[in-house]
Amino acid sequence: MPVEIPAIAALTLVASAVGTMTGFGTSTIMIPVLLFWYPLPQTLLLVGIVHWVGDIWKIILFRKGATWNLILLFGIPSVLAAYAGARLTLTTESTILLRILGAALIAYTIFLLFHSSWKLPKRNMTAITGGALSGLMAGIFGVGGAVRGAFLAAFDLPKHVYIFTAGTIALMTDSIRLLTYGIGNVNLPRELWYGMILFLPLSFAGAWCAKKIVGQLPEKAFRQVIAIFLALVGLKFLLFP
């Protein structure tokens, strides 16, 4: 077994737990590490598969939290934008855009610290804009969850509803971008397909652990966790795109 397979398995467990608990983070954690071993297209495909399966775990584990109107308002623009972004994956210079995204997320988090009562307006246009931006980021860079989380925060969703909603939107987005990668003939080395025997069950284990943690967190603490991770993701993109 190649040495990177156990490392990716452990990474999947941690990233799945964080990603389930916050509604984003799986790709943000995995992609920078996997780029040490694999080129960007293969990394995006591998993480996309893990993320897609993780979306299913979120839907199963938090299935009592359906908000279909919000899911469709976010999801349809997200799918369309993800398709456009995935088509640009191999030709887009990502560094500058990722730095801009990182700075925007940090500024948004700092603003909330000093204006805790302010939030994006709870409107249909907020959902549509958030869906389009997060889908585009997911298609190009494989990381759209932080943007989705920032816009979803405007709707003050209960924690289980938030996770289910984020997971359902991500499933729609990931499905179209994986299909686009496949049409573009992106494939994985054989050892990574075999590695899925480890990766996919561990992604469920991470999601299950996250459910236990989320169940113990008060709603206010849960929102603070999301804000902290938004800031950390933004810092990572700004300094190490």
Foldseek 3Di string as FASTA:
>chain_A
DDPVLVVVLVLLLQQLLLCLLQLFRNLLSQQVVCVVPDPQLQSLLLSLVSLLLSLVLLCVLLVVQDDPVLLVLLQPLLQVLLLVLLVCQVPDDCQVVLQVLLVVLQVLLVVCVVVVVDADAPDSVLSNVLSNQLSNCCNRRVGSRLSNSRSVVNVLGFSSNSSNSSSSSSNSSSVNSSVSSVVVVRDYPPVSVVSCVSSSVSSSVSNVVSSVVSVPDDSVVSVVSNSVVSNVSSVCSNPPD
